[in-house]
């Protein structure tokens, strides 16, 4: 699913006077990816929120970012650590930032990822997600774009698993 160009549906200034703008929440109930586009050039931080998200397969769920040239699927530096009752595993990737390490197609996860402008067009990503399985994922990484970030994609690492539950939204500031 290619979701939605962002529209500012609500905004509030925080205590420091920074404008925080909400994107439009997207039901993650179909399609192989969810794209948030139209992020303004002045954005320095994007927060991605996941609520009860699931896919129909066991491939990990990831974030990819992009600019006017499209979504980037190479050049990421980072890793994720999957935590469960009996195992801990850490994996590095260059194609994306994994935000949830799926144990099975039955897992619903929730959590937050923060994408911060480091300098120029380099973005640092970090966050945590968890589920009732019990399973959790911590992740961090970075990616340098050739131009100004204007889009974020949520997808499965295999590119074929279909979203079948939950809601995803973003804020930018």
N, C-alpha and C. Protein backbone atom coordinates (compact mmCIF):
# COMPACT_ATOMS: atom_id res chain seq x y z
N UNK A 1 0.84 -1.17 0.00
CA UNK A 1 0.00 0.00 0.00
C UNK A 1 0.89 1.23 0.00
N UNK A 2 0.62 2.14 -0.88
CA UNK A 2 1.29 3.42 -0.81
C UNK A 2 0.31 4.37 -0.16
N UNK A 3 0.63 4.78 1.03
CA UNK A 3 -0.29 5.60 1.78
C UNK A 3 0.08 7.05 1.62
N UNK A 4 -0.71 7.85 1.45
CA UNK A 4 -0.89 9.18 1.90
C UNK A 4 0.23 10.19 1.80
N UNK A 5 -0.07 11.23 1.14
CA UNK A 5 0.76 12.42 1.27
C UNK A 5 0.35 13.06 2.59
N UNK A 6 1.33 13.52 3.32
CA UNK A 6 1.00 14.05 4.65
C UNK A 6 0.27 15.38 4.55
N UNK A 7 -0.71 15.50 5.39
CA UNK A 7 -1.41 16.77 5.56
C UNK A 7 -1.34 17.11 7.03
N UNK A 8 -1.09 18.34 7.32
CA UNK A 8 -1.03 18.74 8.72
C UNK A 8 -2.45 18.72 9.27
N UNK A 9 -2.75 17.71 10.05
CA UNK A 9 -4.10 17.58 10.60
C UNK A 9 -4.17 18.13 12.01
N UNK A 10 -3.06 18.41 12.57
CA UNK A 10 -3.05 18.99 13.90
C UNK A 10 -1.66 19.49 14.19
N UNK A 11 -1.55 20.54 14.95
CA UNK A 11 -0.23 21.00 15.32
C UNK A 11 -0.30 21.67 16.68
N UNK A 12 0.78 21.55 17.40
CA UNK A 12 0.91 22.16 18.71
C UNK A 12 2.35 22.56 18.90
N UNK A 13 2.56 23.71 19.51
CA UNK A 13 3.91 24.11 19.87
C UNK A 13 4.22 23.51 21.24
N UNK A 14 5.43 22.96 21.40
CA UNK A 14 5.81 22.45 22.71
C UNK A 14 6.27 23.59 23.59
N UNK A 15 6.76 23.26 24.79
CA UNK A 15 7.14 24.31 25.74
C UNK A 15 8.30 25.17 25.26
N UNK A 16 9.07 24.69 24.29
CA UNK A 16 10.17 25.47 23.74
C UNK A 16 9.76 26.27 22.51
N UNK A 17 8.49 26.23 22.15
CA UNK A 17 8.00 26.96 20.99
C UNK A 17 8.19 26.22 19.68
N UNK A 18 8.65 24.97 19.73
CA UNK A 18 8.85 24.18 18.53
C UNK A 18 7.51 23.67 18.01
N UNK A 19 7.29 23.80 16.74
CA UNK A 19 6.06 23.33 16.13
C UNK A 19 6.15 21.82 15.92
N UNK A 20 5.17 21.10 16.42
CA UNK A 20 5.08 19.65 16.21
C UNK A 20 3.83 19.40 15.39
N UNK A 21 4.01 18.77 14.23
CA UNK A 21 2.89 18.55 13.32
C UNK A 21 2.66 17.07 13.15
N UNK A 22 1.39 16.68 13.23
CA UNK A 22 1.01 15.28 13.08
C UNK A 22 0.65 14.98 11.64
N UNK A 23 1.15 13.85 11.16
CA UNK A 23 0.70 13.34 9.88
C UNK A 23 -0.67 12.72 10.04
N UNK A 24 -1.15 12.08 9.02
CA UNK A 24 -2.43 11.38 9.07
C UNK A 24 -2.17 9.92 9.41
N UNK A 25 -2.79 9.44 10.49
CA UNK A 25 -2.62 8.04 10.88
C UNK A 25 -3.10 7.13 9.74
N UNK A 26 -2.35 6.05 9.51
CA UNK A 26 -2.66 5.12 8.43
C UNK A 26 -2.93 3.75 9.03
N UNK A 27 -4.05 3.15 8.65
CA UNK A 27 -4.33 1.77 9.06
C UNK A 27 -3.36 0.86 8.31
N UNK A 28 -2.58 0.09 9.06
CA UNK A 28 -1.61 -0.82 8.44
C UNK A 28 -2.26 -2.19 8.28
N UNK A 29 -3.28 -2.21 7.44
CA UNK A 29 -4.09 -3.43 7.29
C UNK A 29 -4.06 -4.01 5.88
N UNK A 30 -3.23 -3.44 5.00
CA UNK A 30 -3.10 -3.99 3.65
C UNK A 30 -1.85 -3.43 3.00
N UNK A 31 -1.40 -4.08 1.96
CA UNK A 31 -0.26 -3.62 1.19
C UNK A 31 1.07 -4.06 1.77
N UNK A 32 2.11 -3.95 0.96
CA UNK A 32 3.44 -4.38 1.37
C UNK A 32 4.30 -3.24 1.92
N UNK A 33 3.86 -2.01 1.76
CA UNK A 33 4.59 -0.87 2.33
C UNK A 33 3.63 0.27 2.61
N UNK A 34 4.05 1.12 3.54
CA UNK A 34 3.30 2.32 3.90
C UNK A 34 4.26 3.48 3.76
N UNK A 35 3.94 4.41 2.88
CA UNK A 35 4.79 5.56 2.63
C UNK A 35 4.17 6.81 3.22
N UNK A 36 5.00 7.59 3.90
CA UNK A 36 4.61 8.93 4.35
C UNK A 36 5.44 9.89 3.51
N UNK A 37 4.80 10.70 2.70
CA UNK A 37 5.49 11.62 1.80
C UNK A 37 5.12 13.06 2.14
N UNK A 38 5.79 13.99 1.53
CA UNK A 38 5.48 15.40 1.74
C UNK A 38 6.02 15.96 3.05
N UNK A 39 7.01 15.30 3.63
CA UNK A 39 7.63 15.83 4.85
C UNK A 39 8.35 17.12 4.47
N UNK A 40 8.10 18.22 5.18
CA UNK A 40 8.68 19.51 4.77
C UNK A 40 10.19 19.56 4.96
N UNK A 41 10.85 20.39 4.15
CA UNK A 41 12.31 20.47 4.16
C UNK A 41 12.86 21.00 5.49
N UNK A 42 12.05 21.72 6.25
CA UNK A 42 12.52 22.27 7.51
C UNK A 42 12.49 21.24 8.65
N UNK A 43 11.90 20.08 8.45
CA UNK A 43 11.80 19.07 9.52
C UNK A 43 13.20 18.60 9.93
N UNK A 44 13.43 18.56 11.22
CA UNK A 44 14.71 18.10 11.77
C UNK A 44 14.55 16.80 12.57
N UNK A 45 13.31 16.45 12.92
CA UNK A 45 13.03 15.22 13.65
C UNK A 45 11.69 14.65 13.18
N UNK A 46 11.69 13.36 12.88
CA UNK A 46 10.47 12.65 12.52
C UNK A 46 10.30 11.52 13.53
N UNK A 47 9.13 11.43 14.12
CA UNK A 47 8.83 10.36 15.06
C UNK A 47 7.79 9.46 14.41
N UNK A 48 8.09 8.16 14.34
CA UNK A 48 7.18 7.18 13.76
C UNK A 48 6.61 6.35 14.91
N UNK A 49 5.28 6.25 14.98
CA UNK A 49 4.62 5.50 16.05
C UNK A 49 3.86 4.31 15.47
N UNK A 50 4.02 3.18 16.13
CA UNK A 50 3.40 1.92 15.71
C UNK A 50 2.44 1.47 16.82
N UNK A 51 1.22 1.09 16.43
CA UNK A 51 0.24 0.60 17.41
C UNK A 51 -0.40 -0.68 16.89
N UNK A 52 -0.07 -1.81 17.48
CA UNK A 52 -0.68 -3.09 17.11
C UNK A 52 -0.43 -3.50 15.68
N UNK A 53 0.78 -3.23 15.16
CA UNK A 53 1.11 -3.50 13.76
C UNK A 53 1.51 -4.96 13.58
N UNK A 54 1.12 -5.54 12.45
CA UNK A 54 1.44 -6.92 12.13
C UNK A 54 1.50 -7.10 10.62
N UNK A 55 2.22 -8.15 10.20
CA UNK A 55 2.19 -8.56 8.80
C UNK A 55 1.76 -10.02 8.75
N UNK A 56 1.51 -10.51 7.55
CA UNK A 56 1.06 -11.89 7.38
C UNK A 56 2.21 -12.89 7.30
N UNK A 57 3.44 -12.43 7.51
CA UNK A 57 4.60 -13.30 7.43
C UNK A 57 5.54 -13.09 8.59
N UNK A 58 6.71 -13.69 8.52
CA UNK A 58 7.68 -13.62 9.60
C UNK A 58 8.90 -12.76 9.25
N UNK A 59 8.83 -11.99 8.17
CA UNK A 59 9.93 -11.11 7.80
C UNK A 59 9.94 -9.90 8.74
N UNK A 60 11.13 -9.39 9.04
CA UNK A 60 11.25 -8.23 9.91
C UNK A 60 10.59 -7.01 9.28
N UNK A 61 10.15 -6.08 10.12
CA UNK A 61 9.57 -4.82 9.66
C UNK A 61 10.65 -3.75 9.79
N UNK A 62 10.75 -2.88 8.78
CA UNK A 62 11.84 -1.91 8.75
C UNK A 62 11.38 -0.54 8.29
N UNK A 63 12.28 0.43 8.51
CA UNK A 63 12.12 1.80 8.03
C UNK A 63 13.15 2.03 6.94
N UNK A 64 12.72 2.72 5.88
CA UNK A 64 13.62 3.24 4.86
C UNK A 64 13.26 4.70 4.68
N UNK A 65 14.25 5.54 4.37
CA UNK A 65 13.99 6.96 4.15
C UNK A 65 14.38 7.33 2.73
N UNK A 66 13.92 8.51 2.31
CA UNK A 66 14.25 8.93 0.95
C UNK A 66 14.09 10.42 0.76
N UNK A 67 14.47 10.83 -0.45
CA UNK A 67 14.37 12.22 -0.86
C UNK A 67 13.60 12.30 -2.17
N UNK A 68 13.71 13.39 -2.89
CA UNK A 68 12.94 13.55 -4.12
C UNK A 68 13.28 12.49 -5.16
N UNK A 69 14.41 11.82 -5.03
CA UNK A 69 14.79 10.74 -5.94
C UNK A 69 14.15 9.41 -5.61
N UNK A 70 13.45 9.34 -4.48
CA UNK A 70 12.77 8.10 -4.08
C UNK A 70 13.33 7.51 -2.80
N UNK A 71 12.80 6.37 -2.44
CA UNK A 71 13.21 5.65 -1.23
C UNK A 71 14.58 5.02 -1.47
N UNK A 72 15.47 5.11 -0.49
CA UNK A 72 16.81 4.52 -0.58
C UNK A 72 16.78 3.10 0.03
N UNK A 73 17.38 2.14 -0.66
CA UNK A 73 17.42 0.77 -0.14
C UNK A 73 18.84 0.22 -0.04
N UNK A 74 19.83 1.12 0.03
CA UNK A 74 21.22 0.74 0.29
C UNK A 74 21.87 1.83 1.13
N UNK A 75 23.03 1.51 1.72
CA UNK A 75 23.82 2.52 2.41
C UNK A 75 23.45 2.82 3.84
N UNK A 76 22.59 2.02 4.46
CA UNK A 76 22.25 2.21 5.87
C UNK A 76 23.35 1.60 6.73
N UNK A 77 23.64 2.23 7.85
CA UNK A 77 24.59 1.70 8.82
C UNK A 77 23.80 1.51 10.11
N UNK A 78 23.80 0.31 10.66
CA UNK A 78 23.09 0.12 11.91
C UNK A 78 22.82 -1.34 12.20
N UNK A 79 22.13 -1.54 13.31
CA UNK A 79 21.78 -2.90 13.70
C UNK A 79 20.54 -2.87 14.58
N UNK A 80 20.01 -4.06 14.79
CA UNK A 80 18.90 -4.21 15.72
C UNK A 80 19.18 -5.42 16.60
N UNK A 81 18.65 -5.36 17.80
CA UNK A 81 18.77 -6.47 18.73
C UNK A 81 17.38 -6.96 19.07
N UNK A 82 17.12 -8.22 18.81
CA UNK A 82 15.83 -8.84 19.13
C UNK A 82 15.95 -9.49 20.50
N UNK A 83 15.03 -9.17 21.37
CA UNK A 83 15.03 -9.68 22.74
C UNK A 83 13.78 -10.53 22.94
N UNK A 84 13.97 -11.76 23.39
CA UNK A 84 12.82 -12.60 23.71
C UNK A 84 13.10 -13.31 25.02
N UNK A 85 12.17 -14.13 25.46
CA UNK A 85 12.31 -14.82 26.74
C UNK A 85 13.55 -15.70 26.78
N UNK A 86 13.97 -16.23 25.66
CA UNK A 86 15.07 -17.19 25.68
C UNK A 86 16.29 -16.81 24.85
N UNK A 87 16.19 -15.80 23.99
CA UNK A 87 17.32 -15.49 23.11
C UNK A 87 17.52 -14.00 22.95
N UNK A 88 18.74 -13.65 22.60
CA UNK A 88 19.09 -12.30 22.20
C UNK A 88 19.92 -12.43 20.93
N UNK A 89 19.52 -11.72 19.89
CA UNK A 89 20.29 -11.77 18.65
C UNK A 89 20.44 -10.37 18.09
N UNK A 90 21.63 -10.08 17.58
CA UNK A 90 21.91 -8.78 16.99
C UNK A 90 22.29 -8.96 15.53
N UNK A 91 21.70 -8.15 14.68
CA UNK A 91 21.93 -8.26 13.25
C UNK A 91 22.18 -6.88 12.67
N UNK A 92 23.17 -6.74 11.81
CA UNK A 92 23.43 -5.49 11.10
C UNK A 92 22.82 -5.57 9.72
N UNK A 93 22.49 -4.41 9.16
CA UNK A 93 21.90 -4.38 7.83
C UNK A 93 22.36 -3.14 7.09
N UNK A 94 22.35 -3.19 5.76
CA UNK A 94 22.68 -2.01 4.96
C UNK A 94 21.51 -1.56 4.10
N UNK A 95 20.41 -2.33 4.08
CA UNK A 95 19.28 -2.02 3.21
C UNK A 95 18.17 -1.24 3.91
N UNK A 96 18.24 -1.14 5.24
CA UNK A 96 17.15 -0.52 5.99
C UNK A 96 17.53 -0.45 7.45
N UNK A 97 16.62 0.07 8.27
CA UNK A 97 16.74 0.02 9.73
C UNK A 97 15.59 -0.87 10.21
N UNK A 98 15.90 -2.04 10.74
CA UNK A 98 14.87 -2.96 11.23
C UNK A 98 14.29 -2.41 12.53
N UNK A 99 12.95 -2.29 12.58
CA UNK A 99 12.30 -1.77 13.78
C UNK A 99 11.59 -2.86 14.58
N UNK A 100 11.32 -4.01 13.96
CA UNK A 100 10.74 -5.11 14.72
C UNK A 100 11.19 -6.42 14.10
N UNK A 101 11.77 -7.27 14.93
CA UNK A 101 12.23 -8.58 14.51
C UNK A 101 11.10 -9.57 14.72
N UNK A 102 10.40 -9.91 13.65
CA UNK A 102 9.24 -10.77 13.72
C UNK A 102 9.61 -12.17 14.19
N UNK A 103 8.83 -12.70 15.12
CA UNK A 103 9.00 -14.09 15.54
C UNK A 103 8.06 -14.99 14.73
N UNK A 104 6.91 -14.43 14.36
CA UNK A 104 5.93 -15.18 13.59
C UNK A 104 4.93 -14.20 12.99
N UNK A 105 4.08 -14.70 12.13
CA UNK A 105 3.07 -13.84 11.52
C UNK A 105 2.02 -13.40 12.53
N UNK A 106 1.94 -14.06 13.66
CA UNK A 106 0.89 -13.76 14.64
C UNK A 106 1.21 -12.57 15.54
N UNK A 107 2.45 -12.05 15.52
CA UNK A 107 2.84 -11.02 16.46
C UNK A 107 2.35 -9.63 16.10
N UNK A 108 1.72 -8.96 17.08
CA UNK A 108 1.37 -7.55 16.96
C UNK A 108 2.41 -6.77 17.74
N UNK A 109 2.94 -5.68 17.17
CA UNK A 109 3.92 -4.90 17.92
C UNK A 109 3.53 -3.43 17.95
N UNK A 110 4.05 -2.74 18.96
CA UNK A 110 3.86 -1.30 19.13
C UNK A 110 5.20 -0.70 19.52
N UNK A 111 5.36 0.59 19.30
CA UNK A 111 6.61 1.24 19.68
C UNK A 111 6.81 2.55 18.96
N UNK A 112 8.04 3.07 19.09
CA UNK A 112 8.38 4.38 18.55
C UNK A 112 9.77 4.34 17.92
N UNK A 113 9.90 4.99 16.77
CA UNK A 113 11.20 5.21 16.13
C UNK A 113 11.38 6.71 15.95
N UNK A 114 12.56 7.20 16.26
CA UNK A 114 12.86 8.62 16.08
C UNK A 114 13.95 8.76 15.03
N UNK A 115 13.70 9.63 14.06
CA UNK A 115 14.64 9.90 12.97
C UNK A 115 15.09 11.35 13.12
N UNK A 116 16.36 11.55 13.46
CA UNK A 116 16.89 12.89 13.75
C UNK A 116 17.92 13.31 12.72
N UNK A 117 17.85 14.58 12.30
CA UNK A 117 18.86 15.13 11.40
C UNK A 117 20.15 15.30 12.18
N UNK A 118 21.21 14.63 11.73
CA UNK A 118 22.52 14.72 12.37
C UNK A 118 23.28 15.92 11.83
N UNK A 119 23.44 15.98 10.52
CA UNK A 119 24.04 17.14 9.84
C UNK A 119 23.86 16.96 8.35
N UNK A 120 23.87 18.05 7.61
CA UNK A 120 23.69 17.96 6.16
C UNK A 120 22.45 17.16 5.82
N UNK A 121 22.63 16.02 5.16
CA UNK A 121 21.53 15.12 4.84
C UNK A 121 21.71 13.75 5.50
N UNK A 122 22.43 13.73 6.63
CA UNK A 122 22.62 12.49 7.39
C UNK A 122 21.62 12.43 8.52
N UNK A 123 20.92 11.30 8.59
CA UNK A 123 19.85 11.09 9.56
C UNK A 123 20.20 9.92 10.47
N UNK A 124 19.99 10.09 11.78
CA UNK A 124 20.20 9.03 12.76
C UNK A 124 18.83 8.51 13.20
N UNK A 125 18.70 7.18 13.28
CA UNK A 125 17.44 6.53 13.63
C UNK A 125 17.66 5.68 14.87
N UNK A 126 16.70 5.73 15.82
CA UNK A 126 16.77 4.85 16.98
C UNK A 126 15.38 4.66 17.55
N UNK A 127 15.22 3.60 18.34
CA UNK A 127 13.93 3.37 18.98
C UNK A 127 13.81 1.98 19.55
N UNK A 128 12.60 1.69 20.02
CA UNK A 128 12.28 0.39 20.59
C UNK A 128 10.85 0.00 20.21
N UNK A 129 10.65 -1.28 20.04
CA UNK A 129 9.31 -1.83 19.84
C UNK A 129 9.18 -3.08 20.69
N UNK A 130 7.95 -3.46 20.95
CA UNK A 130 7.71 -4.67 21.74
C UNK A 130 6.36 -5.25 21.44
N UNK A 131 6.17 -6.47 21.92
CA UNK A 131 4.90 -7.15 21.71
C UNK A 131 4.60 -8.05 22.89
N UNK A 132 3.42 -8.63 22.89
CA UNK A 132 3.01 -9.53 23.95
C UNK A 132 3.54 -10.94 23.75
N UNK A 133 4.34 -11.17 22.73
CA UNK A 133 4.77 -12.53 22.36
C UNK A 133 5.50 -13.28 23.48
N UNK A 134 6.38 -12.90 24.36
CA UNK A 134 7.02 -11.59 24.49
C UNK A 134 8.23 -11.49 23.60
N UNK A 135 8.37 -10.35 22.99
CA UNK A 135 9.50 -10.07 22.12
C UNK A 135 9.64 -8.56 22.02
N UNK A 136 10.87 -8.11 22.00
CA UNK A 136 11.13 -6.70 21.84
C UNK A 136 12.29 -6.49 20.90
N UNK A 137 12.40 -5.31 20.33
CA UNK A 137 13.50 -4.99 19.45
C UNK A 137 14.00 -3.59 19.78
N UNK A 138 15.30 -3.46 19.95
CA UNK A 138 15.93 -2.14 20.04
C UNK A 138 16.73 -1.96 18.75
N UNK A 139 16.83 -0.74 18.28
CA UNK A 139 17.48 -0.52 16.99
C UNK A 139 18.11 0.87 16.94
N UNK A 140 19.14 0.98 16.12
CA UNK A 140 19.79 2.26 15.88
C UNK A 140 20.55 2.18 14.57
N UNK A 141 20.69 3.32 13.92
CA UNK A 141 21.44 3.35 12.67
C UNK A 141 21.43 4.74 12.09
N UNK A 142 21.98 4.84 10.89
CA UNK A 142 22.02 6.13 10.20
C UNK A 142 22.02 5.92 8.70
N UNK A 143 21.72 7.00 8.00
CA UNK A 143 21.69 6.97 6.53
C UNK A 143 21.93 8.38 6.03
N UNK A 144 22.81 8.52 5.05
CA UNK A 144 23.04 9.81 4.40
C UNK A 144 22.32 9.80 3.06
N UNK A 145 21.48 10.80 2.85
CA UNK A 145 20.75 10.96 1.59
C UNK A 145 21.51 11.93 0.69
N UNK A 146 21.21 11.93 -0.60
CA UNK A 146 21.84 12.86 -1.53
C UNK A 146 21.12 14.21 -1.56
N UNK A 147 19.93 14.26 -0.98
CA UNK A 147 19.14 15.49 -0.97
C UNK A 147 18.32 15.53 0.32
N UNK A 148 17.44 16.50 0.46
CA UNK A 148 16.64 16.69 1.66
C UNK A 148 15.60 15.59 1.83
N UNK A 149 15.54 15.00 3.02
CA UNK A 149 14.55 13.97 3.33
C UNK A 149 13.14 14.51 3.13
N UNK A 150 12.30 13.75 2.43
CA UNK A 150 10.90 14.14 2.27
C UNK A 150 9.94 12.96 2.35
N UNK A 151 10.47 11.75 2.68
CA UNK A 151 9.60 10.58 2.73
C UNK A 151 10.18 9.50 3.65
N UNK A 152 9.26 8.73 4.23
CA UNK A 152 9.60 7.61 5.10
C UNK A 152 8.74 6.43 4.69
N UNK A 153 9.35 5.25 4.57
CA UNK A 153 8.61 4.03 4.20
C UNK A 153 8.74 3.01 5.33
N UNK A 154 7.62 2.35 5.61
CA UNK A 154 7.59 1.21 6.52
C UNK A 154 7.25 0.00 5.65
N UNK A 155 8.06 -1.06 5.74
CA UNK A 155 7.85 -2.24 4.91
C UNK A 155 8.45 -3.45 5.60
N UNK A 156 8.24 -4.61 5.05
CA UNK A 156 8.89 -5.83 5.53
C UNK A 156 10.21 -5.98 4.78
N UNK A 157 11.20 -6.55 5.44
CA UNK A 157 12.52 -6.65 4.80
C UNK A 157 12.50 -7.52 3.55
N UNK A 158 11.57 -8.46 3.45
CA UNK A 158 11.51 -9.28 2.22
C UNK A 158 10.72 -8.59 1.11
N UNK A 159 10.03 -7.49 1.43
CA UNK A 159 9.28 -6.73 0.43
C UNK A 159 7.98 -7.37 -0.03
N UNK A 160 7.63 -8.54 0.51
CA UNK A 160 6.43 -9.23 0.04
C UNK A 160 5.39 -9.48 1.14
N UNK A 161 5.79 -9.48 2.43
CA UNK A 161 4.80 -9.67 3.48
C UNK A 161 3.82 -8.50 3.46
N UNK A 162 2.56 -8.79 3.74
CA UNK A 162 1.48 -7.80 3.67
C UNK A 162 1.07 -7.39 5.08
N UNK A 163 0.92 -6.09 5.30
CA UNK A 163 0.43 -5.60 6.59
C UNK A 163 -1.00 -6.08 6.78
N UNK A 164 -1.32 -6.53 8.02
CA UNK A 164 -2.67 -7.04 8.27
C UNK A 164 -3.30 -6.57 9.58
N UNK A 165 -2.64 -5.65 10.30
CA UNK A 165 -3.24 -5.12 11.53
C UNK A 165 -2.50 -3.86 11.95
N UNK A 166 -3.19 -3.00 12.70
CA UNK A 166 -2.56 -1.87 13.37
C UNK A 166 -2.70 -0.53 12.69
N UNK A 167 -2.00 0.43 13.29
CA UNK A 167 -1.99 1.82 12.84
C UNK A 167 -0.58 2.36 12.95
N UNK A 168 -0.19 3.17 11.96
CA UNK A 168 1.12 3.83 11.98
C UNK A 168 0.87 5.31 11.71
N UNK A 169 1.59 6.17 12.45
CA UNK A 169 1.50 7.61 12.22
C UNK A 169 2.88 8.22 12.43
N UNK A 170 3.06 9.44 11.95
CA UNK A 170 4.30 10.17 12.18
C UNK A 170 4.00 11.57 12.66
N UNK A 171 4.98 12.15 13.37
CA UNK A 171 5.01 13.56 13.72
C UNK A 171 6.31 14.10 13.18
N UNK A 172 6.35 15.35 12.83
CA UNK A 172 7.62 15.96 12.49
C UNK A 172 7.72 17.30 13.18
N UNK A 173 8.94 17.71 13.41
CA UNK A 173 9.20 19.01 14.04
C UNK A 173 10.53 19.55 13.54
